[in-house]
Every structure is written in C-alpha cells, then in structure tokens.
Amino acid sequence: MIGPGSLYTSIIPNFLVGGIADAVRQSRALKIYVLNIMTQDGETDGYDADDHVRAILEHAGPGIMDVCIANDEPVPPEIMEPYAKEGVSQLELRREGIWNRWGLPCARSRFWSQDVISAITLTLWRVRFCLYGVNLEPEEQEEVNAVMSFSSNVKQELCRLPINRKMEAAAELYGILLYCNAFTSEFVRITTESRDLAERLPRLMKKVFGFSFDQEPEEDTGKLLFVMESQGKIHKMFAQFGLSAARDVTLHVNYGMLEEDEERLAFLRGAFFVRWVCYRSCKAVSSGTDDLPL
C-alpha cells in the first residue's frame, strides 16, 4: 500500500533509497497507490491525480503500482473550510487521464467519510459492480477488462501455492465445493475457465480423499467440467466436511473445519477460485462477527 501522504516529502523519498523501488517492483503482491484527498500548500499546488501518479513513476520507475484508489466525491464545505484557509484545494480526479496515460485502473471511493467501514465497503461494492458489469459506464469498459485480467492473474498466482498440509487442502476444497455450480448428496459439478484451477482441483481431491473425479476435462479450452456422481465418494466427502445430506449444504459452513487461520485462508482461497464475491457466507469466516464485511 503506497500512501496517502505528502508526495515529495513522504512518499517519493522512500523510493530514492537504493534497492527499495526494485524490491517493490519485483514483489508479487498487489501494489495499490492511495491518492490524497487534497493538494498540499507549497508542494503540490495545482496538481491533479494524474500529476501525482506521474511524479511517482518518474522517480520510482514503471511497475511500482498496479492500481490507484482515489476520492471522487466533493468534500463537504464544513470539512473543506479549514483547508481552504491554508490555500489547499481538493485533488481533481480525471480517471481517464490515469488510465489512458499510464494504463492503471483507478477505483473510486469517498475518503472523507468518518465511517471508515462504510467507506471501505463502498469501495468494495463498486469493484463488485464493475466486475459484474452493473452500473457500468461505456468509457469504463476497458478499465473493467483490466480488473478482470487482474482477477485471472491472481487465480493463477494462488494456484501456484504448494499443496502441503492435508487440513489446509481440505479447507480449500471445502471452499470450492460450497461455492461451485452444484454440491449435493447426489452429484458434484464444477465448471471453470481457469486451466490453472483445472490442474489444481484433481491434486486437491487426491490429497484429501485419495480418489479422482468421475469426469474430468478432456480439453483445456473453453469451459472445463468436473463431475462426480459416485455415491460412495460423495458420502465420504460429506463425512469429511461434517455435512448432512438432509440439509442444504450451500447454506451451511462447518466452522469446525476452519479453526486455524491457515485453514480459514485456504477456505477463502477456494471460494475465490469459483466465485469472486461470496459476501454473505464468508464475512463471518474472516471476522467472526456479522458487523465487518469481508
């Protein structure tokens, strides 16, 4: 996470230290630049959001950030008043400039909200709307494509994680099954377009249960289909996850499977593989309460 902070006296100096910019650039982590809400008197007078991005890239070099997050709503007069007295103005956001010039997606939010949780939730829901094409403006389509590409890249990176501990593998497979196309006492059906996930699924199944799907993809193009109809195998899976065939398993999370942090992370990873957003059922897994969103 880069910023927010004074552009020339807080953020950029870090990248001038030998090796820092290269280390950040080479990191596999998602690199997010959080833009300031205001300009800074004597330092960024007249700067807009694009100028901030340009200054960092000029000093740190390309590849230092993957995405920007910026405020896109007017700051209320009562909050703006003391800043205006100091000659400070709200940072102007022209998202098309950041995208067209630097190729960086820019997620919008309302940073001045005193309700931090609401502000974060708003940002997450806007990303969700973009991913599902809801309330999408035509000029944002290319930016959304970049976000979707990022989702695919993240799945690819996650699929490279080693499958070591059986309990973590079971938790990951559990997340996949609960949010896949169909997981019932009669059959299991999983479809994916990710070849990386298609290679990982059979290894997870072997690690946890020692058997294979009844049907696996024959080709690695288009929709990749995994099917299981063997009642003996399905009953063994239900027993492993502490599930009852008499209830709707898609609405039931067995928290006994997710006692350790590593197991919770593995479960959420599995859910992410098949569904980008699984808000209702997953939020309690990550926070343990109903008042904090995933």
C-alpha atoms as a PDB file:
ATOM      1  CA  MET A   1       0.000   0.000   0.000  1.00  0.00           C
ATOM      2  CA  ILE A   2       1.544   3.295  -1.130  1.00  0.00           C
ATOM      3  CA  GLY A   3       0.227   6.459   0.511  1.00  0.00           C
ATOM      4  CA  PRO A   4      -1.627   8.530   1.292  1.00  0.00           C
ATOM      5  CA  GLY A   5       0.975  11.084   2.302  1.00  0.00           C
ATOM      6  CA  SER A   6       2.995  14.112   1.219  1.00  0.00           C
ATOM      7  CA  LEU A   7       4.062  13.397  -2.346  1.00  0.00           C
ATOM      8  CA  TYR A   8       7.613  14.792  -2.359  1.00  0.00           C
ATOM      9  CA  THR A   9       8.442  14.677   1.358  1.00  0.00           C
ATOM     10  CA  SER A  10       6.820  11.424   2.449  1.00  0.00           C
ATOM     11  CA  ILE A  11       6.164   9.019  -0.433  1.00  0.00           C
ATOM     12  CA  ILE A  12       8.792   9.610  -3.125  1.00  0.00           C
ATOM     13  CA  PRO A  13      11.823   9.734  -0.745  1.00  0.00           C
ATOM     14  CA  ASN A  14      11.253   6.075   0.129  1.00  0.00           C
ATOM     15  CA  PHE A  15      11.812   5.072  -3.486  1.00  0.00           C
ATOM     16  CA  LEU A  16      15.044   7.061  -3.708  1.00  0.00           C
ATOM     17  CA  VAL A  17      16.744   4.739  -1.207  1.00  0.00           C
ATOM     18  CA  GLY A  18      18.849   2.219  -3.111  1.00  0.00           C
ATOM     19  CA  GLY A  19      17.055  -1.061  -3.789  1.00  0.00           C
ATOM     20  CA  ILE A  20      13.624  -0.040  -2.439  1.00  0.00           C
ATOM     21  CA  ALA A  21      11.952   0.684  -5.782  1.00  0.00           C
ATOM     22  CA  ASP A  22      13.328  -2.523  -7.318  1.00  0.00           C
ATOM     23  CA  ALA A  23      12.161  -4.592  -4.325  1.00  0.00           C
ATOM     24  CA  VAL A  24       8.625  -3.185  -4.557  1.00  0.00           C
ATOM     25  CA  ARG A  25       8.564  -3.633  -8.321  1.00  0.00           C
ATOM     26  CA  GLN A  26       9.659  -7.282  -8.088  1.00  0.00           C
ATOM     27  CA  SER A  27       7.184  -8.132  -5.334  1.00  0.00           C
ATOM     28  CA  ARG A  28       4.317 -10.431  -6.323  1.00  0.00           C
ATOM     29  CA  ALA A  29       1.968  -8.505  -4.014  1.00  0.00           C
ATOM     30  CA  LEU A  30      -0.753  -6.232  -5.372  1.00  0.00           C
ATOM     31  CA  LYS A  31       0.632  -2.693  -5.290  1.00  0.00           C
ATOM     32  CA  ILE A  32      -2.032  -0.063  -4.534  1.00  0.00           C
ATOM     33  CA  TYR A  33      -1.467   3.684  -4.602  1.00  0.00           C
ATOM     34  CA  VAL A  34      -3.958   5.602  -2.426  1.00  0.00           C
ATOM     35  CA  LEU A  35      -4.139   9.204  -3.617  1.00  0.00           C
ATOM     36  CA  ASN A  36      -4.532  12.150  -1.261  1.00  0.00           C
ATOM     37  CA  ILE A  37      -7.818  13.991  -0.995  1.00  0.00           C
ATOM     38  CA  MET A  38      -6.235  17.456  -1.040  1.00  0.00           C
ATOM     39  CA  THR A  39      -3.320  19.235  -2.644  1.00  0.00           C
ATOM     40  CA  GLN A  40      -0.522  20.369  -0.313  1.00  0.00           C
ATOM     41  CA  ASP A  41       0.421  24.020   0.026  1.00  0.00           C
ATOM     42  CA  GLY A  42       3.891  24.703  -1.373  1.00  0.00           C
ATOM     43  CA  GLU A  43       4.336  21.123  -2.577  1.00  0.00           C
ATOM     44  CA  THR A  44       1.585  20.052  -4.947  1.00  0.00           C
ATOM     45  CA  ASP A  45      -0.214  23.318  -5.758  1.00  0.00           C
ATOM     46  CA  GLY A  46      -2.184  22.895  -8.980  1.00  0.00           C
ATOM     47  CA  TYR A  47      -1.572  19.148  -9.103  1.00  0.00           C
ATOM     48  CA  ASP A  48      -4.326  16.746 -10.054  1.00  0.00           C
ATOM     49  CA  ALA A  49      -4.427  12.975  -9.545  1.00  0.00           C
ATOM     50  CA  ASP A  50      -2.607  12.312 -12.811  1.00  0.00           C
ATOM     51  CA  ASP A  51       0.252  14.601 -11.740  1.00  0.00           C
ATOM     52  CA  HIS A  52       0.695  12.592  -8.528  1.00  0.00           C
ATOM     53  CA  VAL A  53       0.923   9.317 -10.442  1.00  0.00           C
ATOM     54  CA  ARG A  54       3.339  10.874 -12.961  1.00  0.00           C
ATOM     55  CA  ALA A  55       5.651  12.173 -10.217  1.00  0.00           C
ATOM     56  CA  ILE A  56       5.922   8.776  -8.535  1.00  0.00           C
ATOM     57  CA  LEU A  57       6.534   6.920 -11.802  1.00  0.00           C
ATOM     58  CA  GLU A  58       9.154   9.451 -12.870  1.00  0.00           C
ATOM     59  CA  HIS A  59      11.130   8.916  -9.667  1.00  0.00           C
ATOM     60  CA  ALA A  60      10.463   5.237  -8.944  1.00  0.00           C
ATOM     61  CA  GLY A  61      10.051   3.920 -12.481  1.00  0.00           C
ATOM     62  CA  PRO A  62       7.292   1.839 -14.102  1.00  0.00           C
ATOM     63  CA  GLY A  63       5.772  -1.193 -12.391  1.00  0.00           C
ATOM     64  CA  ILE A  64       5.748   0.426  -8.964  1.00  0.00           C
ATOM     65  CA  MET A  65       1.940   0.328  -8.707  1.00  0.00           C
ATOM     66  CA  ASP A  66      -0.836  -1.865 -10.129  1.00  0.00           C
ATOM     67  CA  VAL A  67      -3.949   0.143  -9.292  1.00  0.00           C
ATOM     68  CA  CYS A  68      -4.959   3.517  -7.829  1.00  0.00           C
ATOM     69  CA  ILE A  69      -7.703   4.361  -5.355  1.00  0.00           C
ATOM     70  CA  ALA A  70      -8.971   7.933  -5.292  1.00  0.00           C
ATOM     71  CA  ASN A  71     -11.734  10.031  -3.779  1.00  0.00           C
ATOM     72  CA  ASP A  72     -14.324  11.035  -6.380  1.00  0.00           C
ATOM     73  CA  GLU A  73     -16.912  12.953  -4.343  1.00  0.00           C
ATOM     74  CA  PRO A  74     -16.932  16.632  -3.308  1.00  0.00           C
ATOM     75  CA  VAL A  75     -15.707  17.213   0.214  1.00  0.00           C
ATOM     76  CA  PRO A  76     -18.464  18.852   2.332  1.00  0.00           C
ATOM     77  CA  PRO A  77     -17.984  22.620   2.890  1.00  0.00           C
ATOM     78  CA  GLU A  78     -17.688  22.255   6.669  1.00  0.00           C
ATOM     79  CA  ILE A  79     -14.764  19.858   6.222  1.00  0.00           C
ATOM     80  CA  MET A  80     -13.235  21.825   3.358  1.00  0.00           C
ATOM     81  CA  GLU A  81     -13.310  25.224   5.088  1.00  0.00           C
ATOM     82  CA  PRO A  82     -10.142  24.949   7.254  1.00  0.00           C
ATOM     83  CA  TYR A  83      -8.169  23.533   4.306  1.00  0.00           C
ATOM     84  CA  ALA A  84      -9.292  26.350   2.026  1.00  0.00           C
ATOM     85  CA  LYS A  85      -7.925  28.900   4.523  1.00  0.00           C
ATOM     86  CA  GLU A  86      -4.492  27.305   4.063  1.00  0.00           C
ATOM     87  CA  GLY A  87      -4.668  27.613   0.282  1.00  0.00           C
ATOM     88  CA  VAL A  88      -5.378  23.927  -0.190  1.00  0.00           C
ATOM     89  CA  SER A  89      -7.870  22.602  -2.744  1.00  0.00           C
ATOM     90  CA  GLN A  90      -9.480  19.245  -3.346  1.00  0.00           C
ATOM     91  CA  LEU A  91      -7.441  16.993  -5.606  1.00  0.00           C
ATOM     92  CA  GLU A  92      -9.081  16.801  -9.019  1.00  0.00           C
ATOM     93  CA  LEU A  93      -9.604  13.303 -10.359  1.00  0.00           C
ATOM     94  CA  ARG A  94      -9.663  12.697 -14.104  1.00  0.00           C
ATOM     95  CA  ARG A  95      -9.718   8.922 -14.200  1.00  0.00           C
ATOM     96  CA  GLU A  96      -9.421   8.746 -17.975  1.00  0.00           C
ATOM     97  CA  GLY A  97      -6.056  10.520 -17.695  1.00  0.00           C
ATOM     98  CA  ILE A  98      -4.652   7.880 -15.337  1.00  0.00           C
ATOM     99  CA  TRP A  99      -5.992   5.057 -17.471  1.00  0.00           C
ATOM    100  CA  ASN A 100      -5.117   6.428 -20.920  1.00  0.00           C
ATOM    101  CA  ARG A 101      -1.681   7.712 -19.987  1.00  0.00           C
ATOM    102  CA  TRP A 102      -0.443   5.095 -17.533  1.00  0.00           C
ATOM    103  CA  GLY A 103      -2.736   2.092 -18.117  1.00  0.00           C
ATOM    104  CA  LEU A 104      -3.644   1.981 -14.417  1.00  0.00           C
ATOM    105  CA  PRO A 105      -7.182   1.138 -13.233  1.00  0.00           C
ATOM    106  CA  CYS A 106      -8.475   3.696 -10.735  1.00  0.00           C
ATOM    107  CA  ALA A 107     -11.139   2.631  -8.221  1.00  0.00           C
ATOM    108  CA  ARG A 108     -13.282   5.431  -6.825  1.00  0.00           C
ATOM    109  CA  SER A 109     -14.460   5.913  -3.252  1.00  0.00           C
ATOM    110  CA  ARG A 110     -15.498   8.525  -0.692  1.00  0.00           C
ATOM    111  CA  PHE A 111     -12.468   9.028   1.533  1.00  0.00           C
ATOM    112  CA  TRP A 112     -13.777  11.840   3.671  1.00  0.00           C
ATOM    113  CA  SER A 113     -16.416   9.661   5.374  1.00  0.00           C
ATOM    114  CA  GLN A 114     -15.886   9.430   9.117  1.00  0.00           C
ATOM    115  CA  ASP A 115     -17.413   5.947   8.954  1.00  0.00           C
ATOM    116  CA  VAL A 116     -14.321   4.037   7.831  1.00  0.00           C
ATOM    117  CA  ILE A 117     -16.127   0.719   7.485  1.00  0.00           C
ATOM    118  CA  SER A 118     -18.781   2.283   5.255  1.00  0.00           C
ATOM    119  CA  ALA A 119     -16.111   3.919   3.090  1.00  0.00           C
ATOM    120  CA  ILE A 120     -14.256   0.616   2.631  1.00  0.00           C
ATOM    121  CA  THR A 121     -17.490  -1.246   1.948  1.00  0.00           C
ATOM    122  CA  LEU A 122     -18.473   1.325  -0.681  1.00  0.00           C
ATOM    123  CA  THR A 123     -15.176   0.801  -2.497  1.00  0.00           C
ATOM    124  CA  LEU A 124     -15.584  -2.989  -2.409  1.00  0.00           C
ATOM    125  CA  TRP A 125     -19.127  -2.806  -3.762  1.00  0.00           C
ATOM    126  CA  ARG A 126     -18.035  -0.510  -6.594  1.00  0.00           C
ATOM    127  CA  VAL A 127     -15.388  -3.034  -7.548  1.00  0.00           C
ATOM    128  CA  ARG A 128     -18.069  -5.733  -7.401  1.00  0.00           C
ATOM    129  CA  PHE A 129     -20.371  -3.712  -9.665  1.00  0.00           C
ATOM    130  CA  CYS A 130     -17.531  -3.266 -12.142  1.00  0.00           C
ATOM    131  CA  LEU A 131     -16.754  -6.972 -12.145  1.00  0.00           C
ATOM    132  CA  TYR A 132     -20.364  -7.919 -12.860  1.00  0.00           C
ATOM    133  CA  GLY A 133     -20.995  -5.128 -15.354  1.00  0.00           C
ATOM    134  CA  VAL A 134     -23.595  -3.395 -13.183  1.00  0.00           C
ATOM    135  CA  ASN A 135     -23.967   0.391 -13.476  1.00  0.00           C
ATOM    136  CA  LEU A 136     -21.047   0.365 -15.880  1.00  0.00           C
ATOM    137  CA  GLU A 137     -20.356   3.468 -17.928  1.00  0.00           C
ATOM    138  CA  PRO A 138     -19.250   2.790 -21.522  1.00  0.00           C
ATOM    139  CA  GLU A 139     -15.974   4.657 -21.100  1.00  0.00           C
ATOM    140  CA  GLU A 140     -15.087   2.392 -18.152  1.00  0.00           C
ATOM    141  CA  GLN A 141     -15.240  -0.853 -20.141  1.00  0.00           C
ATOM    142  CA  GLU A 142     -11.506  -1.042 -20.907  1.00  0.00           C
ATOM    143  CA  GLU A 143     -10.723  -0.394 -17.262  1.00  0.00           C
ATOM    144  CA  VAL A 144     -13.059  -3.184 -16.183  1.00  0.00           C
ATOM    145  CA  ASN A 145     -11.338  -5.540 -18.612  1.00  0.00           C
ATOM    146  CA  ALA A 146      -8.072  -4.757 -16.842  1.00  0.00           C
ATOM    147  CA  VAL A 147      -9.641  -5.572 -13.477  1.00  0.00           C
ATOM    148  CA  MET A 148     -10.942  -8.874 -14.827  1.00  0.00           C
ATOM    149  CA  SER A 149      -7.483  -9.640 -16.170  1.00  0.00           C
ATOM    150  CA  PHE A 150      -6.106  -8.920 -12.708  1.00  0.00           C
ATOM    151  CA  SER A 151      -8.601 -11.411 -11.209  1.00  0.00           C
ATOM    152  CA  SER A 152      -7.357 -14.068 -13.603  1.00  0.00           C
ATOM    153  CA  ASN A 153      -3.746 -13.297 -12.740  1.00  0.00           C
ATOM    154  CA  VAL A 154      -4.447 -13.582  -9.014  1.00  0.00           C
ATOM    155  CA  LYS A 155      -6.043 -17.001  -9.505  1.00  0.00           C
ATOM    156  CA  GLN A 156      -3.010 -18.070 -11.497  1.00  0.00           C
ATOM    157  CA  GLU A 157      -0.675 -16.977  -8.704  1.00  0.00           C
ATOM    158  CA  LEU A 158      -2.773 -18.660  -5.997  1.00  0.00           C
ATOM    159  CA  CYS A 159      -2.823 -21.912  -7.940  1.00  0.00           C
ATOM    160  CA  ARG A 160       0.978 -21.984  -7.710  1.00  0.00           C
ATOM    161  CA  LEU A 161       0.857 -22.298  -3.929  1.00  0.00           C
ATOM    162  CA  PRO A 162       2.089 -25.731  -2.792  1.00  0.00           C
ATOM    163  CA  ILE A 163      -0.421 -28.278  -1.509  1.00  0.00           C
ATOM    164  CA  ASN A 164       1.236 -29.498   1.664  1.00  0.00           C
ATOM    165  CA  ARG A 165      -0.918 -29.941   4.782  1.00  0.00           C
ATOM    166  CA  LYS A 166      -3.960 -32.157   4.320  1.00  0.00           C
ATOM    167  CA  MET A 167      -6.182 -29.974   6.545  1.00  0.00           C
ATOM    168  CA  GLU A 168      -5.400 -26.851   4.506  1.00  0.00           C
ATOM    169  CA  ALA A 169      -6.058 -28.765   1.280  1.00  0.00           C
ATOM    170  CA  ALA A 170      -9.381 -29.954   2.747  1.00  0.00           C
ATOM    171  CA  ALA A 171     -10.352 -26.382   3.728  1.00  0.00           C
ATOM    172  CA  GLU A 172      -9.517 -25.089   0.249  1.00  0.00           C
ATOM    173  CA  LEU A 173     -11.508 -27.872  -1.409  1.00  0.00           C
ATOM    174  CA  TYR A 174     -14.360 -27.169   1.011  1.00  0.00           C
ATOM    175  CA  GLY A 175     -14.475 -23.527  -0.131  1.00  0.00           C
ATOM    176  CA  ILE A 176     -14.524 -24.616  -3.768  1.00  0.00           C
ATOM    177  CA  LEU A 177     -17.332 -27.116  -3.232  1.00  0.00           C
ATOM    178  CA  LEU A 178     -19.598 -24.799  -1.214  1.00  0.00           C
ATOM    179  CA  TYR A 179     -19.490 -22.143  -3.939  1.00  0.00           C
ATOM    180  CA  CYS A 180     -19.233 -24.280  -7.066  1.00  0.00           C
ATOM    181  CA  ASN A 181     -22.035 -24.927  -9.569  1.00  0.00           C
ATOM    182  CA  ALA A 182     -23.522 -27.869  -7.655  1.00  0.00           C
ATOM    183  CA  PHE A 183     -22.573 -29.734  -4.487  1.00  0.00           C
ATOM    184  CA  THR A 184     -25.348 -32.068  -3.352  1.00  0.00           C
ATOM    185  CA  SER A 185     -25.694 -35.547  -1.894  1.00  0.00           C
ATOM    186  CA  GLU A 186     -26.437 -36.805  -5.420  1.00  0.00           C
ATOM    187  CA  PHE A 187     -23.790 -35.167  -7.587  1.00  0.00           C
ATOM    188  CA  VAL A 188     -20.994 -32.603  -7.750  1.00  0.00           C
ATOM    189  CA  ARG A 189     -20.456 -30.298 -10.719  1.00  0.00           C
ATOM    190  CA  ILE A 190     -17.655 -27.734 -11.044  1.00  0.00           C
ATOM    191  CA  THR A 191     -17.005 -25.633 -14.136  1.00  0.00           C
ATOM    192  CA  THR A 192     -14.127 -23.239 -14.601  1.00  0.00           C
ATOM    193  CA  GLU A 193     -12.351 -21.410 -17.399  1.00  0.00           C
ATOM    194  CA  SER A 194      -9.086 -21.389 -15.458  1.00  0.00           C
ATOM    195  CA  ARG A 195      -6.640 -24.013 -16.660  1.00  0.00           C
ATOM    196  CA  ASP A 196      -4.579 -23.429 -13.522  1.00  0.00           C
ATOM    197  CA  LEU A 197      -7.538 -24.310 -11.307  1.00  0.00           C
ATOM    198  CA  ALA A 198      -8.335 -27.276 -13.552  1.00  0.00           C
ATOM    199  CA  GLU A 199      -4.850 -28.604 -12.855  1.00  0.00           C
ATOM    200  CA  ARG A 200      -5.082 -27.915  -9.122  1.00  0.00           C
ATOM    201  CA  LEU A 201      -8.514 -29.473  -8.476  1.00  0.00           C
ATOM    202  CA  PRO A 202      -7.532 -33.135  -9.110  1.00  0.00           C
ATOM    203  CA  ARG A 203      -4.458 -32.719  -6.896  1.00  0.00           C
ATOM    204  CA  LEU A 204      -6.599 -31.333  -4.068  1.00  0.00           C
ATOM    205  CA  MET A 205      -9.042 -34.225  -4.421  1.00  0.00           C
ATOM    206  CA  LYS A 206      -6.221 -36.782  -4.372  1.00  0.00           C
ATOM    207  CA  LYS A 207      -4.558 -35.121  -1.370  1.00  0.00           C
ATOM    208  CA  VAL A 208      -7.722 -35.037   0.731  1.00  0.00           C
ATOM    209  CA  PHE A 209      -9.625 -38.166  -0.344  1.00  0.00           C
ATOM    210  CA  GLY A 210      -7.258 -40.283  -2.379  1.00  0.00           C
ATOM    211  CA  PHE A 211      -9.634 -40.566  -5.348  1.00  0.00           C
ATOM    212  CA  SER A 212     -10.434 -38.682  -8.555  1.00  0.00           C
ATOM    213  CA  PHE A 213     -13.471 -37.021 -10.085  1.00  0.00           C
ATOM    214  CA  ASP A 214     -15.676 -39.358 -12.129  1.00  0.00           C
ATOM    215  CA  GLN A 215     -15.349 -36.972 -15.070  1.00  0.00           C
ATOM    216  CA  GLU A 216     -12.520 -34.535 -15.767  1.00  0.00           C
ATOM    217  CA  PRO A 217     -11.941 -32.176 -18.718  1.00  0.00           C
ATOM    218  CA  GLU A 218     -10.623 -33.798 -21.869  1.00  0.00           C
ATOM    219  CA  GLU A 219      -9.621 -30.484 -23.456  1.00  0.00           C
ATOM    220  CA  ASP A 220      -8.098 -27.374 -21.927  1.00  0.00           C
ATOM    221  CA  THR A 221     -10.172 -24.818 -23.837  1.00  0.00           C
ATOM    222  CA  GLY A 222     -13.481 -23.138 -23.011  1.00  0.00           C
ATOM    223  CA  LYS A 223     -15.488 -24.348 -20.032  1.00  0.00           C
ATOM    224  CA  LEU A 224     -13.661 -27.064 -18.089  1.00  0.00           C
ATOM    225  CA  LEU A 225     -16.047 -29.514 -16.420  1.00  0.00           C
ATOM    226  CA  PHE A 226     -15.544 -31.725 -13.352  1.00  0.00           C
ATOM    227  CA  VAL A 227     -18.302 -34.145 -12.337  1.00  0.00           C
ATOM    228  CA  MET A 228     -18.733 -36.661  -9.527  1.00  0.00           C
ATOM    229  CA  GLU A 229     -21.766 -38.946  -9.251  1.00  0.00           C
ATOM    230  CA  SER A 230     -20.371 -41.901  -7.297  1.00  0.00           C
ATOM    231  CA  GLN A 231     -22.449 -42.074  -4.110  1.00  0.00           C
ATOM    232  CA  GLY A 232     -19.641 -43.710  -2.177  1.00  0.00           C
ATOM    233  CA  LYS A 233     -17.245 -40.861  -2.969  1.00  0.00           C
ATOM    234  CA  ILE A 234     -19.816 -38.167  -2.249  1.00  0.00           C
ATOM    235  CA  HIS A 235     -20.764 -39.726   1.102  1.00  0.00           C
ATOM    236  CA  LYS A 236     -17.081 -39.782   2.059  1.00  0.00           C
ATOM    237  CA  MET A 237     -16.819 -36.097   1.177  1.00  0.00           C
ATOM    238  CA  PHE A 238     -19.903 -35.246   3.237  1.00  0.00           C
ATOM    239  CA  ALA A 239     -18.458 -37.124   6.205  1.00  0.00           C
ATOM    240  CA  GLN A 240     -15.088 -35.334   5.891  1.00  0.00           C
ATOM    241  CA  PHE A 241     -16.749 -31.911   5.947  1.00  0.00           C
ATOM    242  CA  GLY A 242     -19.233 -32.789   8.700  1.00  0.00           C
ATOM    243  CA  LEU A 243     -22.206 -32.219   6.419  1.00  0.00           C
ATOM    244  CA  SER A 244     -25.632 -33.808   6.439  1.00  0.00           C
ATOM    245  CA  ALA A 245     -27.305 -34.932   3.229  1.00  0.00           C
ATOM    246  CA  ALA A 246     -30.632 -33.931   4.756  1.00  0.00           C
ATOM    247  CA  ARG A 247     -29.909 -30.207   4.648  1.00  0.00           C
ATOM    248  CA  ASP A 248     -28.930 -27.658   2.021  1.00  0.00           C
ATOM    249  CA  VAL A 249     -25.142 -27.715   2.228  1.00  0.00           C
ATOM    250  CA  THR A 250     -24.766 -24.498   0.237  1.00  0.00           C
ATOM    251  CA  LEU A 251     -26.135 -22.580   3.228  1.00  0.00           C
ATOM    252  CA  HIS A 252     -24.058 -24.344   5.855  1.00  0.00           C
ATOM    253  CA  VAL A 253     -20.446 -23.655   6.816  1.00  0.00           C
ATOM    254  CA  ASN A 254     -18.895 -26.132   9.245  1.00  0.00           C
ATOM    255  CA  TYR A 255     -16.655 -23.849  11.304  1.00  0.00           C
ATOM    256  CA  GLY A 256     -15.072 -26.874  12.924  1.00  0.00           C
ATOM    257  CA  MET A 257     -13.220 -27.295   9.626  1.00  0.00           C
ATOM    258  CA  LEU A 258     -11.799 -23.772   9.909  1.00  0.00           C
ATOM    259  CA  GLU A 259     -10.327 -23.479  13.392  1.00  0.00           C
ATOM    260  CA  GLU A 260      -6.836 -22.351  12.353  1.00  0.00           C
ATOM    261  CA  ASP A 261      -6.009 -19.135  10.483  1.00  0.00           C
ATOM    262  CA  GLU A 262      -4.300 -21.135   7.725  1.00  0.00           C
ATOM    263  CA  GLU A 263      -7.474 -23.165   7.228  1.00  0.00           C
ATOM    264  CA  ARG A 264      -9.656 -20.040   7.046  1.00  0.00           C
ATOM    265  CA  LEU A 265      -7.325 -18.545   4.442  1.00  0.00           C
ATOM    266  CA  ALA A 266      -7.397 -21.787   2.461  1.00  0.00           C
ATOM    267  CA  PHE A 267     -11.223 -21.834   2.598  1.00  0.00           C
ATOM    268  CA  LEU A 268     -11.486 -18.257   1.325  1.00  0.00           C
ATOM    269  CA  ARG A 269      -8.949 -19.051  -1.382  1.00  0.00           C
ATOM    270  CA  GLY A 270     -11.104 -21.948  -2.550  1.00  0.00           C
ATOM    271  CA  ALA A 271     -14.245 -19.797  -2.528  1.00  0.00           C
ATOM    272  CA  PHE A 272     -12.416 -17.109  -4.509  1.00  0.00           C
ATOM    273  CA  PHE A 273     -11.443 -19.649  -7.170  1.00  0.00           C
ATOM    274  CA  VAL A 274     -15.077 -20.282  -8.103  1.00  0.00           C
ATOM    275  CA  ARG A 275     -16.805 -17.079  -7.004  1.00  0.00           C
ATOM    276  CA  TRP A 276     -15.238 -13.582  -6.877  1.00  0.00           C
ATOM    277  CA  VAL A 277     -17.831 -12.397  -4.385  1.00  0.00           C
ATOM    278  CA  CYS A 278     -19.228 -14.681  -1.669  1.00  0.00           C
ATOM    279  CA  TYR A 279     -20.083 -11.880   0.737  1.00  0.00           C
ATOM    280  CA  ARG A 280     -22.798 -13.218   2.994  1.00  0.00           C
ATOM    281  CA  SER A 281     -21.316 -16.563   3.962  1.00  0.00           C
ATOM    282  CA  CYS A 282     -17.638 -15.606   4.007  1.00  0.00           C
ATOM    283  CA  LYS A 283     -17.697 -12.423   6.049  1.00  0.00           C
ATOM    284  CA  ALA A 284     -18.172 -14.267   9.340  1.00  0.00           C
ATOM    285  CA  VAL A 285     -15.311 -16.598   8.469  1.00  0.00           C
ATOM    286  CA  SER A 286     -12.896 -13.699   8.137  1.00  0.00           C
ATOM    287  CA  SER A 287     -14.114 -11.508  11.007  1.00  0.00           C
ATOM    288  CA  GLY A 288     -16.011 -13.799  13.351  1.00  0.00           C
ATOM    289  CA  THR A 289     -18.858 -11.260  13.512  1.00  0.00           C
ATOM    290  CA  ASP A 290     -21.696 -10.015  11.371  1.00  0.00           C
ATOM    291  CA  ASP A 291     -20.709  -6.344  11.515  1.00  0.00           C
ATOM    292  CA  LEU A 292     -17.481  -6.433   9.468  1.00  0.00           C
ATOM    293  CA  PRO A 293     -17.605  -7.114   5.730  1.00  0.00           C
ATOM    294  CA  LEU A 294     -15.085  -9.404   4.076  1.00  0.00           C
END
